[in-house]
Amino acid sequence: MTLEDIKKEAAQYKYGDVQSLSLKITELKNKGVSFLGCVAFVQVNQNISLKEARELTLKLDSYTNEEKERIDYFHKLMLSEFNEEE
């Protein structure tokens, strides 16, 4: 799926509750949508900031604790590299 496809689907998806959103993200993940693609889906669907979407996506049951730790590790690594450049 392209980013445009993800955003289009997010705009059409009717949010029910956190559990239904979690199931939708799991469905996208199983289709091969990356973590960033899932964050984009949540951001558009919930009409929230990128930071809020990342945090909400990580709170969903769609990712295992190991996956969440790995995602968080790489996020912190990326931020530390940005801070080194400043």
C-alpha atoms as a PDB file:
ATOM      1  CA  MET A   1       0.000   0.000   0.000  1.00  0.00           C
ATOM      2  CA  THR A   2       1.188   3.486  -0.756  1.00  0.00           C
ATOM      3  CA  LEU A   3       1.010   6.299   1.764  1.00  0.00           C
ATOM      4  CA  GLU A   4      -1.857   7.789  -0.248  1.00  0.00           C
ATOM      5  CA  ASP A   5      -3.752   4.479  -0.059  1.00  0.00           C
ATOM      6  CA  ILE A   6      -3.181   4.321   3.690  1.00  0.00           C
ATOM      7  CA  LYS A   7      -4.406   7.891   4.207  1.00  0.00           C
ATOM      8  CA  LYS A   8      -7.447   7.307   2.004  1.00  0.00           C
ATOM      9  CA  GLU A   9      -8.379   4.174   3.944  1.00  0.00           C
ATOM     10  CA  ALA A  10      -7.819   6.010   7.241  1.00  0.00           C
ATOM     11  CA  ALA A  11     -10.144   8.827   6.194  1.00  0.00           C
ATOM     12  CA  GLN A  12     -12.869   6.303   5.323  1.00  0.00           C
ATOM     13  CA  TYR A  13     -12.437   4.064   8.373  1.00  0.00           C
ATOM     14  CA  LYS A  14     -15.096   4.572  11.016  1.00  0.00           C
ATOM     15  CA  TYR A  15     -13.478   4.546  14.442  1.00  0.00           C
ATOM     16  CA  GLY A  16     -15.443   2.526  16.975  1.00  0.00           C
ATOM     17  CA  ASP A  17     -13.137   2.166  19.958  1.00  0.00           C
ATOM     18  CA  VAL A  18      -9.510   1.464  20.773  1.00  0.00           C
ATOM     19  CA  GLN A  19     -10.010  -2.291  20.343  1.00  0.00           C
ATOM     20  CA  SER A  20     -11.429  -1.891  16.827  1.00  0.00           C
ATOM     21  CA  LEU A  21      -8.579   0.475  15.936  1.00  0.00           C
ATOM     22  CA  SER A  22      -6.107  -2.088  17.251  1.00  0.00           C
ATOM     23  CA  LEU A  23      -7.683  -4.778  15.069  1.00  0.00           C
ATOM     24  CA  LYS A  24      -7.495  -2.485  12.033  1.00  0.00           C
ATOM     25  CA  ILE A  25      -3.819  -1.751  12.654  1.00  0.00           C
ATOM     26  CA  THR A  26      -3.156  -5.484  13.064  1.00  0.00           C
ATOM     27  CA  GLU A  27      -4.888  -6.049   9.722  1.00  0.00           C
ATOM     28  CA  LEU A  28      -2.709  -3.402   8.060  1.00  0.00           C
ATOM     29  CA  LYS A  29       0.413  -4.805   9.697  1.00  0.00           C
ATOM     30  CA  ASN A  30      -0.453  -8.293   8.417  1.00  0.00           C
ATOM     31  CA  LYS A  31      -0.789  -6.827   4.925  1.00  0.00           C
ATOM     32  CA  GLY A  32       2.815  -5.634   5.198  1.00  0.00           C
ATOM     33  CA  VAL A  33       2.195  -2.003   6.155  1.00  0.00           C
ATOM     34  CA  SER A  34       5.182  -0.672   8.092  1.00  0.00           C
ATOM     35  CA  PHE A  35       5.030   0.856  11.547  1.00  0.00           C
ATOM     36  CA  LEU A  36       5.316   4.326  10.005  1.00  0.00           C
ATOM     37  CA  GLY A  37       2.439   3.517   7.670  1.00  0.00           C
ATOM     38  CA  CYS A  38       0.330   2.444  10.641  1.00  0.00           C
ATOM     39  CA  VAL A  39       1.226   5.666  12.462  1.00  0.00           C
ATOM     40  CA  ALA A  40       0.121   7.633   9.389  1.00  0.00           C
ATOM     41  CA  PHE A  41      -3.171   5.717   9.403  1.00  0.00           C
ATOM     42  CA  VAL A  42      -3.784   6.539  13.076  1.00  0.00           C
ATOM     43  CA  GLN A  43      -2.787  10.177  12.571  1.00  0.00           C
ATOM     44  CA  VAL A  44      -5.249  10.716   9.728  1.00  0.00           C
ATOM     45  CA  ASN A  45      -8.023   8.619  11.256  1.00  0.00           C
ATOM     46  CA  GLN A  46      -7.842  10.304  14.653  1.00  0.00           C
ATOM     47  CA  ASN A  47      -6.868  13.746  13.324  1.00  0.00           C
ATOM     48  CA  ILE A  48      -4.000  14.054  15.805  1.00  0.00           C
ATOM     49  CA  SER A  49      -0.349  15.093  15.667  1.00  0.00           C
ATOM     50  CA  LEU A  50       2.358  12.744  14.486  1.00  0.00           C
ATOM     51  CA  LYS A  51       3.735  12.475  18.028  1.00  0.00           C
ATOM     52  CA  GLU A  52       0.311  11.603  19.439  1.00  0.00           C
ATOM     53  CA  ALA A  53      -0.272   9.092  16.643  1.00  0.00           C
ATOM     54  CA  ARG A  54       3.051   7.367  17.340  1.00  0.00           C
ATOM     55  CA  GLU A  55       2.261   7.139  21.048  1.00  0.00           C
ATOM     56  CA  LEU A  56      -1.266   5.837  20.438  1.00  0.00           C
ATOM     57  CA  THR A  57      -0.070   3.291  17.881  1.00  0.00           C
ATOM     58  CA  LEU A  58       2.453   1.927  20.374  1.00  0.00           C
ATOM     59  CA  LYS A  59      -0.290   1.560  22.997  1.00  0.00           C
ATOM     60  CA  LEU A  60      -2.367  -0.669  20.726  1.00  0.00           C
ATOM     61  CA  ASP A  61      -2.316  -4.457  21.060  1.00  0.00           C
ATOM     62  CA  SER A  62      -1.127  -4.725  17.448  1.00  0.00           C
ATOM     63  CA  TYR A  63       2.530  -4.901  18.415  1.00  0.00           C
ATOM     64  CA  THR A  64       4.270  -7.289  20.797  1.00  0.00           C
ATOM     65  CA  ASN A  65       6.329  -5.924  23.673  1.00  0.00           C
ATOM     66  CA  GLU A  66       9.472  -6.962  21.805  1.00  0.00           C
ATOM     67  CA  GLU A  67       8.386  -5.034  18.709  1.00  0.00           C
ATOM     68  CA  LYS A  68       7.505  -1.996  20.814  1.00  0.00           C
ATOM     69  CA  GLU A  69      10.918  -2.082  22.503  1.00  0.00           C
ATOM     70  CA  ARG A  70      12.679  -2.325  19.131  1.00  0.00           C
ATOM     71  CA  ILE A  71      10.619   0.549  17.704  1.00  0.00           C
ATOM     72  CA  ASP A  72      11.329   2.667  20.782  1.00  0.00           C
ATOM     73  CA  TYR A  73      15.049   1.833  20.612  1.00  0.00           C
ATOM     74  CA  PHE A  74      15.341   2.985  16.995  1.00  0.00           C
ATOM     75  CA  HIS A  75      13.292   6.089  17.714  1.00  0.00           C
ATOM     76  CA  LYS A  76      15.649   7.052  20.548  1.00  0.00           C
ATOM     77  CA  LEU A  77      18.657   6.275  18.364  1.00  0.00           C
ATOM     78  CA  MET A  78      17.341   8.508  15.604  1.00  0.00           C
ATOM     79  CA  LEU A  79      16.649  11.342  18.061  1.00  0.00           C
ATOM     80  CA  SER A  80      20.141  11.047  19.542  1.00  0.00           C
ATOM     81  CA  GLU A  81      21.652  11.325  16.063  1.00  0.00           C
ATOM     82  CA  PHE A  82      19.627  14.480  15.406  1.00  0.00           C
ATOM     83  CA  ASN A  83      20.780  15.948  18.717  1.00  0.00           C
ATOM     84  CA  GLU A  84      24.425  15.211  17.858  1.00  0.00           C
ATOM     85  CA  GLU A  85      24.107  17.189  14.622  1.00  0.00           C
ATOM     86  CA  GLU A  86      22.874  20.321  16.402  1.00  0.00           C
END
